[in-house]
Amino acid sequence: MPEPAGPSSGPLTAGALTLWPERRALEWHGEPLELTSTEFNLLEVLVRQPGRVVSKQEFSQQALGRPLARYDRGIDVHLSSIRHKLGLDAEGRSPIQTVRGIGYQLIRD
């Protein structure tokens, strides 16, 4: 269960990601990274649960505030955009991995 974001919650970190929910700011390897509001919400869900597989239903509820609609590919499109912005690690992997048939997870460094 994600912890509530509040003014005193401070930054969240997961590997090279540092995220400030209250400021809606993000750094990747110490550099600011611009995300859309939806991308930020989705990435925040992953950063709060690094290594845990998050289903699209959970993303829809926690990041978008609505139930997942049938055939909705929006989450996949936004996560693809986030992957593009983050790039690949030295081994050629994205920090966001797909777990087929289950969801997505943020790989811990």
Protein backbone atom coordinates (compact mmCIF):
# COMPACT_ATOMS: atom_id res chain seq x y z
CA MET A 1 0.00 0.00 0.00
CA PRO A 2 1.54 3.35 -0.97
CA GLU A 3 2.34 5.74 1.82
CA PRO A 4 0.46 9.04 1.70
CA ALA A 5 2.33 11.95 0.18
CA GLY A 6 2.45 14.93 2.46
CA PRO A 7 4.50 18.10 2.86
CA SER A 8 6.81 16.39 5.32
CA SER A 9 7.14 13.15 3.36
CA GLY A 10 10.44 14.23 1.74
CA PRO A 11 11.88 12.70 -1.40
CA LEU A 12 11.30 9.13 -2.49
CA THR A 13 14.27 7.32 -3.96
CA ALA A 14 14.63 4.14 -5.96
CA GLY A 15 18.05 3.59 -7.45
CA ALA A 16 18.96 6.59 -9.61
CA LEU A 17 15.45 8.09 -9.30
CA THR A 18 14.64 10.76 -6.74
CA LEU A 19 11.06 11.98 -6.70
CA TRP A 20 9.48 14.78 -4.66
CA PRO A 21 5.70 14.14 -4.68
CA GLU A 22 4.77 17.44 -3.03
CA ARG A 23 6.80 19.46 -5.60
CA ARG A 24 5.97 17.11 -8.50
CA ALA A 25 9.68 17.07 -9.31
CA LEU A 26 11.92 14.23 -10.43
CA GLU A 27 15.64 13.68 -10.90
CA TRP A 28 17.15 10.79 -12.86
CA HIS A 29 20.88 10.28 -12.21
CA GLY A 30 20.95 13.71 -10.54
CA GLU A 31 19.45 15.52 -13.54
CA PRO A 32 15.93 17.00 -13.64
CA LEU A 33 13.54 15.07 -15.85
CA GLU A 34 10.35 16.52 -17.31
CA LEU A 35 7.28 14.29 -17.25
CA THR A 36 3.63 14.90 -17.99
CA SER A 37 1.29 14.83 -15.00
CA THR A 38 0.07 11.34 -15.89
CA GLU A 39 3.62 10.05 -16.39
CA PHE A 40 4.62 11.48 -13.01
CA ASN A 41 1.65 9.79 -11.32
CA LEU A 42 2.47 6.42 -12.88
CA LEU A 43 6.17 6.65 -12.02
CA GLU A 44 5.33 7.67 -8.44
CA VAL A 45 3.35 4.44 -8.02
CA LEU A 46 6.43 2.45 -9.15
CA VAL A 47 8.92 4.43 -7.03
CA ARG A 48 6.82 3.84 -3.91
CA GLN A 49 7.02 0.07 -4.57
CA PRO A 50 10.40 -0.69 -6.23
CA GLY A 51 10.78 -4.30 -7.24
CA ARG A 52 7.07 -5.04 -6.78
CA VAL A 53 4.96 -5.86 -9.84
CA VAL A 54 2.12 -3.34 -10.23
CA SER A 55 -0.91 -4.36 -12.29
CA LYS A 56 -2.56 -2.05 -14.80
CA GLN A 57 -5.66 -2.12 -12.58
CA GLU A 58 -3.57 -0.81 -9.64
CA PHE A 59 -2.01 1.88 -11.85
CA SER A 60 -5.43 2.98 -13.02
CA GLN A 61 -6.80 3.21 -9.46
CA GLN A 62 -3.72 4.77 -7.79
CA ALA A 63 -2.33 7.02 -10.53
CA LEU A 64 -5.43 7.90 -12.54
CA GLY A 65 -8.11 7.64 -9.86
CA ARG A 66 -10.44 5.49 -11.95
CA PRO A 67 -11.11 1.83 -12.68
CA LEU A 68 -9.29 0.35 -15.65
CA ALA A 69 -11.45 0.44 -18.76
CA ARG A 70 -11.64 -2.60 -21.00
CA TYR A 71 -9.11 -2.44 -23.85
CA ASP A 72 -7.51 0.69 -22.35
CA ARG A 73 -3.94 0.96 -23.65
CA GLY A 74 -3.26 4.41 -22.16
CA ILE A 75 -1.14 3.10 -19.29
CA ASP A 76 1.03 1.13 -21.72
CA VAL A 77 1.51 4.22 -23.90
CA HIS A 78 2.47 6.43 -20.93
CA LEU A 79 4.88 3.82 -19.53
CA SER A 80 6.48 3.51 -22.97
CA SER A 81 7.02 7.27 -22.98
CA ILE A 82 8.56 7.14 -19.49
CA ARG A 83 10.87 4.33 -20.60
CA HIS A 84 11.98 6.43 -23.56
CA LYS A 85 12.74 9.42 -21.31
CA LEU A 86 14.69 7.28 -18.80
CA GLY A 87 16.67 5.46 -21.49
CA LEU A 88 18.54 2.20 -20.98
CA ASP A 89 21.06 1.14 -18.36
CA ALA A 90 24.62 0.02 -19.16
CA GLU A 91 23.31 -3.47 -19.90
CA GLY A 92 20.73 -2.18 -22.38
CA ARG A 93 17.72 -2.69 -20.08
CA SER A 94 14.97 -0.29 -19.18
CA PRO A 95 14.55 0.40 -15.45
CA ILE A 96 10.84 -0.36 -15.97
CA GLN A 97 10.26 -4.00 -16.84
CA THR A 98 7.11 -5.64 -18.18
CA VAL A 99 5.99 -8.78 -16.38
CA ARG A 100 3.87 -10.34 -19.07
CA GLY A 101 0.25 -10.88 -18.13
CA ILE A 102 0.73 -9.27 -14.70
CA GLY A 103 1.99 -5.67 -14.93
CA TYR A 104 5.13 -3.59 -14.60
CA GLN A 105 7.91 -3.20 -12.07
CA LEU A 106 10.70 -0.75 -11.35
CA ILE A 107 13.97 -2.63 -11.21
CA ARG A 108 15.97 -1.95 -8.07
CA ASP A 109 19.59 -0.90 -8.60
